[in-house]
All heavy atoms as atom14 arrays in JSON, in Angstrom:
{
  "sequence": "RRIGHPVTWIGRLIGALDRGMNREDQPPDARRRAGMVALFVLLAV",
  "atom14_mask": [
    [1, 1, 1, 1, 1, 1, 1, 1, 1, 1, 1, 0, 0, 0],
    [1, 1, 1, 1, 1, 1, 1, 1, 1, 1, 1, 0, 0, 0],
    [1, 1, 1, 1, 1, 1, 1, 1, 0, 0, 0, 0, 0, 0],
    [1, 1, 1, 1, 0, 0, 0, 0, 0, 0, 0, 0, 0, 0],
    [1, 1, 1, 1, 1, 1, 1, 1, 1, 1, 0, 0, 0, 0],
    [1, 1, 1, 1, 1, 1, 1, 0, 0, 0, 0, 0, 0, 0],
    [1, 1, 1, 1, 1, 1, 1, 0, 0, 0, 0, 0, 0, 0],
    [1, 1, 1, 1, 1, 1, 1, 0, 0, 0, 0, 0, 0, 0],
    [1, 1, 1, 1, 1, 1, 1, 1, 1, 1, 1, 1, 1, 1],
    [1, 1, 1, 1, 1, 1, 1, 1, 0, 0, 0, 0, 0, 0],
    [1, 1, 1, 1, 0, 0, 0, 0, 0, 0, 0, 0, 0, 0],
    [1, 1, 1, 1, 1, 1, 1, 1, 1, 1, 1, 0, 0, 0],
    [1, 1, 1, 1, 1, 1, 1, 1, 0, 0, 0, 0, 0, 0],
    [1, 1, 1, 1, 1, 1, 1, 1, 0, 0, 0, 0, 0, 0],
    [1, 1, 1, 1, 0, 0, 0, 0, 0, 0, 0, 0, 0, 0],
    [1, 1, 1, 1, 1, 0, 0, 0, 0, 0, 0, 0, 0, 0],
    [1, 1, 1, 1, 1, 1, 1, 1, 0, 0, 0, 0, 0, 0],
    [1, 1, 1, 1, 1, 1, 1, 1, 0, 0, 0, 0, 0, 0],
    [1, 1, 1, 1, 1, 1, 1, 1, 1, 1, 1, 0, 0, 0],
    [1, 1, 1, 1, 0, 0, 0, 0, 0, 0, 0, 0, 0, 0],
    [1, 1, 1, 1, 1, 1, 1, 1, 0, 0, 0, 0, 0, 0],
    [1, 1, 1, 1, 1, 1, 1, 1, 0, 0, 0, 0, 0, 0],
    [1, 1, 1, 1, 1, 1, 1, 1, 1, 1, 1, 0, 0, 0],
    [1, 1, 1, 1, 1, 1, 1, 1, 1, 0, 0, 0, 0, 0],
    [1, 1, 1, 1, 1, 1, 1, 1, 0, 0, 0, 0, 0, 0],
    [1, 1, 1, 1, 1, 1, 1, 1, 1, 0, 0, 0, 0, 0],
    [1, 1, 1, 1, 1, 1, 1, 0, 0, 0, 0, 0, 0, 0],
    [1, 1, 1, 1, 1, 1, 1, 0, 0, 0, 0, 0, 0, 0],
    [1, 1, 1, 1, 1, 1, 1, 1, 0, 0, 0, 0, 0, 0],
    [1, 1, 1, 1, 1, 0, 0, 0, 0, 0, 0, 0, 0, 0],
    [1, 1, 1, 1, 1, 1, 1, 1, 1, 1, 1, 0, 0, 0],
    [1, 1, 1, 1, 1, 1, 1, 1, 1, 1, 1, 0, 0, 0],
    [1, 1, 1, 1, 1, 1, 1, 1, 1, 1, 1, 0, 0, 0],
    [1, 1, 1, 1, 1, 0, 0, 0, 0, 0, 0, 0, 0, 0],
    [1, 1, 1, 1, 0, 0, 0, 0, 0, 0, 0, 0, 0, 0],
    [1, 1, 1, 1, 1, 1, 1, 1, 0, 0, 0, 0, 0, 0],
    [1, 1, 1, 1, 1, 1, 1, 0, 0, 0, 0, 0, 0, 0],
    [1, 1, 1, 1, 1, 0, 0, 0, 0, 0, 0, 0, 0, 0],
    [1, 1, 1, 1, 1, 1, 1, 1, 0, 0, 0, 0, 0, 0],
    [1, 1, 1, 1, 1, 1, 1, 1, 1, 1, 1, 0, 0, 0],
    [1, 1, 1, 1, 1, 1, 1, 0, 0, 0, 0, 0, 0, 0],
    [1, 1, 1, 1, 1, 1, 1, 1, 0, 0, 0, 0, 0, 0],
    [1, 1, 1, 1, 1, 1, 1, 1, 0, 0, 0, 0, 0, 0],
    [1, 1, 1, 1, 1, 0, 0, 0, 0, 0, 0, 0, 0, 0],
    [1, 1, 1, 1, 1, 1, 1, 0, 0, 0, 0, 0, 0, 0]
  ],
  "atom14_positions": [
    [[12.31, -10.7, -11.73], [11.54, -10.58, -12.98], [10.34, -11.52, -13.0], [9.3, -11.2, -13.57], [12.46, -10.86, -14.18], [13.44, -9.73, -14.48], [14.12, -9.93, -15.81], [14.98, -11.11, -15.8], [16.27, -11.07, -15.48], [16.84, -9.92, -15.13], [17.0, -12.16, -15.5], [0.0, 0.0, 0.0], [0.0, 0.0, 0.0], [0.0, 0.0, 0.0]],
    [[10.5, -12.68, -12.36], [9.41, -13.67, -12.41], [8.31, -13.37, -11.39], [7.12, -13.46, -11.71], [9.96, -15.08, -12.19], [10.65, -15.66, -13.41], [10.89, -17.16, -13.25], [11.87, -17.43, -12.2], [13.19, -17.47, -12.4], [13.67, -17.26, -13.61], [14.01, -17.74, -11.4], [0.0, 0.0, 0.0], [0.0, 0.0, 0.0], [0.0, 0.0, 0.0]],
    [[8.68, -13.03, -10.17], [7.65, -12.9, -9.13], [7.68, -11.55, -8.4], [6.85, -11.31, -7.52], [7.78, -14.03, -8.08], [9.1, -13.89, -7.29], [7.69, -15.4, -8.73], [9.2, -14.83, -6.1], [0.0, 0.0, 0.0], [0.0, 0.0, 0.0], [0.0, 0.0, 0.0], [0.0, 0.0, 0.0], [0.0, 0.0, 0.0], [0.0, 0.0, 0.0]],
    [[8.62, -10.67, -8.77], [8.71, -9.41, -8.05], [9.51, -9.57, -6.77], [10.34, -10.47, -6.63], [0.0, 0.0, 0.0], [0.0, 0.0, 0.0], [0.0, 0.0, 0.0], [0.0, 0.0, 0.0], [0.0, 0.0, 0.0], [0.0, 0.0, 0.0], [0.0, 0.0, 0.0], [0.0, 0.0, 0.0], [0.0, 0.0, 0.0], [0.0, 0.0, 0.0]],
    [[9.23, -8.71, -5.81], [9.97, -8.67, -4.55], [8.98, -8.42, -3.42], [7.96, -7.75, -3.64], [11.02, -7.55, -4.61], [11.93, -7.49, -3.43], [11.58, -6.86, -2.24], [13.19, -7.98, -3.24], [12.58, -6.96, -1.39], [13.57, -7.64, -1.96], [0.0, 0.0, 0.0], [0.0, 0.0, 0.0], [0.0, 0.0, 0.0], [0.0, 0.0, 0.0]],
    [[9.25, -8.93, -2.22], [8.3, -8.69, -1.12], [7.96, -7.21, -0.91], [6.82, -6.88, -0.58], [9.03, -9.27, 0.1], [9.86, -10.37, -0.47], [10.31, -9.88, -1.8], [0.0, 0.0, 0.0], [0.0, 0.0, 0.0], [0.0, 0.0, 0.0], [0.0, 0.0, 0.0], [0.0, 0.0, 0.0], [0.0, 0.0, 0.0], [0.0, 0.0, 0.0]],
    [[8.91, -6.32, -1.11], [8.62, -4.89, -0.94], [7.66, -4.41, -2.02], [6.8, -3.56, -1.76], [9.92, -4.07, -0.92], [9.62, -2.56, -0.95], [10.74, -4.4, 0.33], [0.0, 0.0, 0.0], [0.0, 0.0, 0.0], [0.0, 0.0, 0.0], [0.0, 0.0, 0.0], [0.0, 0.0, 0.0], [0.0, 0.0, 0.0], [0.0, 0.0, 0.0]],
    [[7.79, -4.93, -3.24], [6.84, -4.53, -4.29], [5.44, -5.08, -3.98], [4.45, -4.42, -4.3], [7.29, -5.01, -5.67], [7.28, -6.45, -5.73], [8.69, -4.51, -5.99], [0.0, 0.0, 0.0], [0.0, 0.0, 0.0], [0.0, 0.0, 0.0], [0.0, 0.0, 0.0], [0.0, 0.0, 0.0], [0.0, 0.0, 0.0], [0.0, 0.0, 0.0]],
    [[5.36, -6.25, -3.35], [4.04, -6.76, -2.95], [3.43, -5.86, -1.88], [2.24, -5.53, -1.93], [4.16, -8.19, -2.43], [4.88, -9.14, -3.34], [5.07, -9.01, -4.69], [5.54, -10.36, -2.97], [5.8, -10.06, -5.18], [6.1, -10.91, -4.16], [5.71, -11.02, -1.76], [6.82, -12.09, -4.14], [6.42, -12.21, -1.75], [6.96, -12.74, -2.94]],
    [[4.25, -5.47, -0.91], [3.77, -4.55, 0.13], [3.35, -3.23, -0.52], [2.32, -2.64, -0.16], [4.86, -4.33, 1.19], [5.11, -5.61, 1.98], [4.48, -3.19, 2.14], [6.33, -5.55, 2.9], [0.0, 0.0, 0.0], [0.0, 0.0, 0.0], [0.0, 0.0, 0.0], [0.0, 0.0, 0.0], [0.0, 0.0, 0.0], [0.0, 0.0, 0.0]],
    [[4.14, -2.77, -1.47], [3.83, -1.52, -2.15], [2.51, -1.56, -2.89], [1.77, -0.56, -2.92], [0.0, 0.0, 0.0], [0.0, 0.0, 0.0], [0.0, 0.0, 0.0], [0.0, 0.0, 0.0], [0.0, 0.0, 0.0], [0.0, 0.0, 0.0], [0.0, 0.0, 0.0], [0.0, 0.0, 0.0], [0.0, 0.0, 0.0], [0.0, 0.0, 0.0]],
    [[2.17, -2.7, -3.47], [0.88, -2.81, -4.16], [-0.28, -2.69, -3.17], [-1.3, -2.06, -3.47], [0.8, -4.12, -4.94], [1.57, -4.08, -6.25], [1.16, -5.2, -7.17], [1.68, -6.49, -6.74], [2.84, -7.0, -7.15], [3.61, -6.3, -7.97], [3.25, -8.18, -6.74], [0.0, 0.0, 0.0], [0.0, 0.0, 0.0], [0.0, 0.0, 0.0]],
    [[-0.11, -3.27, -1.99], [-1.16, -3.15, -0.97], [-1.29, -1.7, -0.52], [-2.41, -1.18, -0.37], [-0.84, -4.06, 0.21], [-1.78, -3.97, 1.43], [-3.23, -4.21, 1.02], [-1.35, -4.94, 2.52], [0.0, 0.0, 0.0], [0.0, 0.0, 0.0], [0.0, 0.0, 0.0], [0.0, 0.0, 0.0], [0.0, 0.0, 0.0], [0.0, 0.0, 0.0]],
    [[-0.17, -1.02, -0.31], [-0.22, 0.39, 0.08], [-0.88, 1.23, -1.0], [-1.7, 2.11, -0.71], [1.21, 0.91, 0.38], [1.79, 0.18, 1.58], [1.2, 2.42, 0.62], [3.29, 0.38, 1.75], [0.0, 0.0, 0.0], [0.0, 0.0, 0.0], [0.0, 0.0, 0.0], [0.0, 0.0, 0.0], [0.0, 0.0, 0.0], [0.0, 0.0, 0.0]],
    [[-0.53, 0.96, -2.25], [-1.14, 1.69, -3.35], [-2.65, 1.5, -3.4], [-3.41, 2.45, -3.64], [0.0, 0.0, 0.0], [0.0, 0.0, 0.0], [0.0, 0.0, 0.0], [0.0, 0.0, 0.0], [0.0, 0.0, 0.0], [0.0, 0.0, 0.0], [0.0, 0.0, 0.0], [0.0, 0.0, 0.0], [0.0, 0.0, 0.0], [0.0, 0.0, 0.0]],
    [[-3.1, 0.27, -3.17], [-4.54, 0.01, -3.18], [-5.23, 0.74, -2.03], [-6.33, 1.31, -2.2], [-4.78, -1.5, -3.08], [0.0, 0.0, 0.0], [0.0, 0.0, 0.0], [0.0, 0.0, 0.0], [0.0, 0.0, 0.0], [0.0, 0.0, 0.0], [0.0, 0.0, 0.0], [0.0, 0.0, 0.0], [0.0, 0.0, 0.0], [0.0, 0.0, 0.0]],
    [[-4.61, 0.74, -0.85], [-5.19, 1.45, 0.28], [-5.23, 2.96, 0.02], [-6.2, 3.64, 0.37], [-4.39, 1.16, 1.55], [-4.49, -0.28, 2.08], [-3.43, -0.53, 3.14], [-5.88, -0.56, 2.64], [0.0, 0.0, 0.0], [0.0, 0.0, 0.0], [0.0, 0.0, 0.0], [0.0, 0.0, 0.0], [0.0, 0.0, 0.0], [0.0, 0.0, 0.0]],
    [[-4.2, 3.47, -0.6], [-4.15, 4.9, -0.92], [-5.25, 5.28, -1.9], [-5.97, 6.27, -1.72], [-2.76, 5.22, -1.5], [-2.57, 6.71, -1.77], [-3.25, 7.53, -1.13], [-1.73, 7.05, -2.62], [0.0, 0.0, 0.0], [0.0, 0.0, 0.0], [0.0, 0.0, 0.0], [0.0, 0.0, 0.0], [0.0, 0.0, 0.0], [0.0, 0.0, 0.0]],
    [[-5.4, 4.46, -2.94], [-6.43, 4.76, -3.94], [-7.83, 4.63, -3.36], [-8.74, 5.41, -3.69], [-6.28, 3.83, -5.15], [-5.04, 4.1, -5.99], [-5.05, 3.28, -7.26], [-5.07, 1.84, -7.0], [-3.98, 1.11, -6.84], [-2.77, 1.69, -6.87], [-4.06, -0.19, -6.63], [0.0, 0.0, 0.0], [0.0, 0.0, 0.0], [0.0, 0.0, 0.0]],
    [[-8.01, 3.65, -2.49], [-9.36, 3.38, -2.0], [-9.78, 4.23, -0.81], [-10.99, 4.47, -0.63], [0.0, 0.0, 0.0], [0.0, 0.0, 0.0], [0.0, 0.0, 0.0], [0.0, 0.0, 0.0], [0.0, 0.0, 0.0], [0.0, 0.0, 0.0], [0.0, 0.0, 0.0], [0.0, 0.0, 0.0], [0.0, 0.0, 0.0], [0.0, 0.0, 0.0]],
    [[-8.82, 4.71, 0.0], [-9.18, 5.37, 1.24], [-8.78, 6.85, 1.31], [-9.29, 7.58, 2.17], [-8.54, 4.63, 2.43], [-8.97, 3.17, 2.53], [-8.21, 2.31, 3.93], [-9.0, 3.14, 5.31], [0.0, 0.0, 0.0], [0.0, 0.0, 0.0], [0.0, 0.0, 0.0], [0.0, 0.0, 0.0], [0.0, 0.0, 0.0], [0.0, 0.0, 0.0]],
    [[-7.9, 7.28, 0.45], [-7.41, 8.66, 0.48], [-8.25, 9.52, -0.46], [-7.9, 9.75, -1.61], [-5.94, 8.72, 0.09], [-5.34, 10.11, 0.3], [-5.98, 10.99, 0.87], [-4.12, 10.29, -0.17], [0.0, 0.0, 0.0], [0.0, 0.0, 0.0], [0.0, 0.0, 0.0], [0.0, 0.0, 0.0], [0.0, 0.0, 0.0], [0.0, 0.0, 0.0]],
    [[-9.36, 10.0, 0.06], [-10.33, 10.75, -0.76], [-10.04, 12.24, -0.68], [-10.07, 12.84, 0.41], [-11.75, 10.46, -0.3], [-12.17, 8.99, -0.5], [-13.55, 8.74, 0.06], [-14.54, 9.68, -0.45], [-15.8, 9.78, -0.02], [-16.21, 8.97, 0.96], [-16.62, 10.66, -0.54], [0.0, 0.0, 0.0], [0.0, 0.0, 0.0], [0.0, 0.0, 0.0]],
    [[-9.77, 12.84, -1.81], [-9.38, 14.24, -1.85], [-10.53, 15.19, -1.54], [-10.3, 16.39, -1.29], [-8.75, 14.58, -3.2], [-7.46, 13.8, -3.45], [-6.75, 14.21, -4.72], [-7.26, 15.14, -5.4], [-5.71, 13.62, -5.04], [0.0, 0.0, 0.0], [0.0, 0.0, 0.0], [0.0, 0.0, 0.0], [0.0, 0.0, 0.0], [0.0, 0.0, 0.0]],
    [[-11.77, 14.7, -1.56], [-12.91, 15.56, -1.22], [-13.16, 15.61, 0.29], [-14.08, 16.3, 0.74], [-14.17, 15.09, -1.94], [-14.58, 13.66, -1.57], [-13.72, 12.92, -1.03], [-15.74, 13.29, -1.82], [0.0, 0.0, 0.0], [0.0, 0.0, 0.0], [0.0, 0.0, 0.0], [0.0, 0.0, 0.0], [0.0, 0.0, 0.0], [0.0, 0.0, 0.0]],
    [[-12.36, 14.89, 1.07], [-12.53, 14.87, 2.52], [-11.62, 15.91, 3.18], [-10.54, 16.22, 2.68], [-12.19, 13.49, 3.08], [-13.14, 12.39, 2.64], [-14.53, 12.58, 3.24], [-14.68, 12.78, 4.43], [-15.55, 12.51, 2.39], [0.0, 0.0, 0.0], [0.0, 0.0, 0.0], [0.0, 0.0, 0.0], [0.0, 0.0, 0.0], [0.0, 0.0, 0.0]],
    [[-12.01, 16.44, 4.35], [-11.17, 17.4, 5.06], [-9.93, 16.72, 5.63], [-9.89, 15.48, 5.77], [-12.08, 17.92, 6.17], [-13.08, 16.84, 6.38], [-13.3, 16.22, 5.03], [0.0, 0.0, 0.0], [0.0, 0.0, 0.0], [0.0, 0.0, 0.0], [0.0, 0.0, 0.0], [0.0, 0.0, 0.0], [0.0, 0.0, 0.0], [0.0, 0.0, 0.0]],
    [[-8.9, 17.51, 5.98], [-7.63, 16.91, 6.46], [-7.8, 15.97, 7.65], [-7.15, 14.92, 7.7], [-6.8, 18.13, 6.83], [-7.32, 19.22, 5.94], [-8.79, 18.96, 5.81], [0.0, 0.0, 0.0], [0.0, 0.0, 0.0], [0.0, 0.0, 0.0], [0.0, 0.0, 0.0], [0.0, 0.0, 0.0], [0.0, 0.0, 0.0], [0.0, 0.0, 0.0]],
    [[-8.67, 16.32, 8.63], [-8.83, 15.44, 9.79], [-9.36, 14.08, 9.4], [-8.92, 13.04, 9.93], [-9.76, 16.09, 10.82], [-9.09, 17.23, 11.57], [-7.86, 17.37, 11.43], [-9.8, 17.98, 12.27], [0.0, 0.0, 0.0], [0.0, 0.0, 0.0], [0.0, 0.0, 0.0], [0.0, 0.0, 0.0], [0.0, 0.0, 0.0], [0.0, 0.0, 0.0]],
    [[-10.31, 14.05, 8.48], [-10.88, 12.78, 8.03], [-9.83, 11.98, 7.25], [-9.75, 10.75, 7.39], [-12.11, 13.03, 7.16], [0.0, 0.0, 0.0], [0.0, 0.0, 0.0], [0.0, 0.0, 0.0], [0.0, 0.0, 0.0], [0.0, 0.0, 0.0], [0.0, 0.0, 0.0], [0.0, 0.0, 0.0], [0.0, 0.0, 0.0], [0.0, 0.0, 0.0]],
    [[-9.02, 12.66, 6.47], [-7.99, 11.95, 5.7], [-6.89, 11.42, 6.63], [-6.32, 10.36, 6.39], [-7.41, 12.88, 4.63], [-8.44, 13.27, 3.58], [-7.91, 14.25, 2.59], [-6.99, 13.63, 1.63], [-6.44, 14.29, 0.61], [-6.69, 15.58, 0.44], [-5.64, 13.68, -0.23], [0.0, 0.0, 0.0], [0.0, 0.0, 0.0], [0.0, 0.0, 0.0]],
    [[-6.62, 12.16, 7.7], [-5.63, 11.67, 8.67], [-6.15, 10.4, 9.35], [-5.41, 9.43, 9.52], [-5.31, 12.75, 9.7], [-4.3, 12.3, 10.74], [-3.91, 13.43, 11.68], [-3.12, 14.44, 11.0], [-2.46, 15.41, 11.64], [-2.5, 15.49, 12.96], [-1.76, 16.29, 10.96], [0.0, 0.0, 0.0], [0.0, 0.0, 0.0], [0.0, 0.0, 0.0]],
    [[-7.43, 10.4, 9.73], [-8.01, 9.19, 10.35], [-8.02, 8.03, 9.37], [-7.72, 6.89, 9.74], [-9.42, 9.49, 10.84], [-9.48, 10.39, 12.08], [-10.87, 10.39, 12.68], [-11.85, 10.99, 11.79], [-12.15, 12.28, 11.75], [-11.53, 13.13, 12.56], [-13.07, 12.75, 10.91], [0.0, 0.0, 0.0], [0.0, 0.0, 0.0], [0.0, 0.0, 0.0]],
    [[-8.32, 8.33, 8.11], [-8.3, 7.27, 7.09], [-6.9, 6.7, 6.93], [-6.72, 5.49, 6.76], [-8.8, 7.82, 5.75], [0.0, 0.0, 0.0], [0.0, 0.0, 0.0], [0.0, 0.0, 0.0], [0.0, 0.0, 0.0], [0.0, 0.0, 0.0], [0.0, 0.0, 0.0], [0.0, 0.0, 0.0], [0.0, 0.0, 0.0], [0.0, 0.0, 0.0]],
    [[-5.89, 7.56, 7.0], [-4.5, 7.09, 6.91], [-4.13, 6.2, 8.07], [-3.38, 5.22, 7.92], [0.0, 0.0, 0.0], [0.0, 0.0, 0.0], [0.0, 0.0, 0.0], [0.0, 0.0, 0.0], [0.0, 0.0, 0.0], [0.0, 0.0, 0.0], [0.0, 0.0, 0.0], [0.0, 0.0, 0.0], [0.0, 0.0, 0.0], [0.0, 0.0, 0.0]],
    [[-4.63, 6.52, 9.26], [-4.36, 5.68, 10.43], [-5.01, 4.31, 10.27], [-4.4, 3.29, 10.59], [-4.87, 6.38, 11.68], [-4.12, 7.66, 12.0], [-4.86, 8.62, 13.35], [-4.49, 7.56, 14.73], [0.0, 0.0, 0.0], [0.0, 0.0, 0.0], [0.0, 0.0, 0.0], [0.0, 0.0, 0.0], [0.0, 0.0, 0.0], [0.0, 0.0, 0.0]],
    [[-6.24, 4.29, 9.75], [-6.91, 3.01, 9.52], [-6.17, 2.21, 8.46], [-5.97, 0.99, 8.59], [-8.38, 3.24, 9.11], [-9.03, 1.92, 8.69], [-9.16, 3.88, 10.25], [0.0, 0.0, 0.0], [0.0, 0.0, 0.0], [0.0, 0.0, 0.0], [0.0, 0.0, 0.0], [0.0, 0.0, 0.0], [0.0, 0.0, 0.0], [0.0, 0.0, 0.0]],
    [[-5.75, 2.9, 7.38], [-5.01, 2.22, 6.31], [-3.72, 1.62, 6.84], [-3.35, 0.49, 6.49], [-4.72, 3.2, 5.18], [0.0, 0.0, 0.0], [0.0, 0.0, 0.0], [0.0, 0.0, 0.0], [0.0, 0.0, 0.0], [0.0, 0.0, 0.0], [0.0, 0.0, 0.0], [0.0, 0.0, 0.0], [0.0, 0.0, 0.0], [0.0, 0.0, 0.0]],
    [[-3.02, 2.35, 7.7], [-1.78, 1.84, 8.28], [-2.06, 0.62, 9.15], [-1.31, -0.38, 9.11], [-1.1, 2.93, 9.09], [0.24, 2.58, 9.74], [1.28, 2.21, 8.68], [0.74, 3.74, 10.59], [0.0, 0.0, 0.0], [0.0, 0.0, 0.0], [0.0, 0.0, 0.0], [0.0, 0.0, 0.0], [0.0, 0.0, 0.0], [0.0, 0.0, 0.0]],
    [[-3.14, 0.66, 9.93], [-3.5, -0.48, 10.75], [-3.78, -1.71, 9.88], [-3.34, -2.82, 10.18], [-4.73, -0.16, 11.6], [-5.24, -1.32, 12.4], [-4.64, -1.69, 13.59], [-6.32, -2.07, 11.93], [-5.11, -2.78, 14.32], [-6.79, -3.17, 12.65], [-6.18, -3.52, 13.85], [0.0, 0.0, 0.0], [0.0, 0.0, 0.0], [0.0, 0.0, 0.0]],
    [[-4.53, -1.51, 8.78], [-4.83, -2.62, 7.87], [-3.53, -3.19, 7.29], [-3.33, -4.41, 7.23], [-5.78, -2.16, 6.76], [-5.93, -3.25, 5.69], [-7.14, -1.79, 7.33], [0.0, 0.0, 0.0], [0.0, 0.0, 0.0], [0.0, 0.0, 0.0], [0.0, 0.0, 0.0], [0.0, 0.0, 0.0], [0.0, 0.0, 0.0], [0.0, 0.0, 0.0]],
    [[-2.64, -2.3, 6.86], [-1.36, -2.73, 6.29], [-0.58, -3.59, 7.28], [-0.08, -4.66, 6.94], [-0.54, -1.5, 5.89], [0.9, -1.76, 5.48], [0.95, -2.52, 4.15], [1.67, -0.44, 5.38], [0.0, 0.0, 0.0], [0.0, 0.0, 0.0], [0.0, 0.0, 0.0], [0.0, 0.0, 0.0], [0.0, 0.0, 0.0], [0.0, 0.0, 0.0]],
    [[-0.49, -3.12, 8.51], [0.3, -3.85, 9.51], [-0.38, -5.15, 9.92], [0.29, -6.15, 10.18], [0.54, -2.96, 10.73], [1.33, -1.68, 10.48], [1.56, -0.91, 11.77], [2.66, -1.98, 9.79], [0.0, 0.0, 0.0], [0.0, 0.0, 0.0], [0.0, 0.0, 0.0], [0.0, 0.0, 0.0], [0.0, 0.0, 0.0], [0.0, 0.0, 0.0]],
    [[-1.71, -5.13, 9.98], [-2.43, -6.35, 10.33], [-2.23, -7.43, 9.27], [-2.0, -8.61, 9.6], [-3.92, -6.05, 10.51], [0.0, 0.0, 0.0], [0.0, 0.0, 0.0], [0.0, 0.0, 0.0], [0.0, 0.0, 0.0], [0.0, 0.0, 0.0], [0.0, 0.0, 0.0], [0.0, 0.0, 0.0], [0.0, 0.0, 0.0], [0.0, 0.0, 0.0]],
    [[-2.28, -7.03, 8.0], [-2.14, -8.0, 6.91], [-0.71, -8.52, 6.84], [-0.46, -9.74, 6.84], [-2.56, -7.38, 5.57], [-2.2, -8.31, 4.41], [-4.05, -7.08, 5.57], [0.0, 0.0, 0.0], [0.0, 0.0, 0.0], [0.0, 0.0, 0.0], [0.0, 0.0, 0.0], [0.0, 0.0, 0.0], [0.0, 0.0, 0.0], [0.0, 0.0, 0.0]]
  ]
}
């Protein structure tokens, strides 16, 4: 209740990457590449 949980912290980062990089106006190939970059950022952080 006071600080959350490490998984919720990870989830907030994933949510931010999803909102910022998953653009619905892009074709599937571009969104797949964006997802790969987002995953790399997540794992790097």
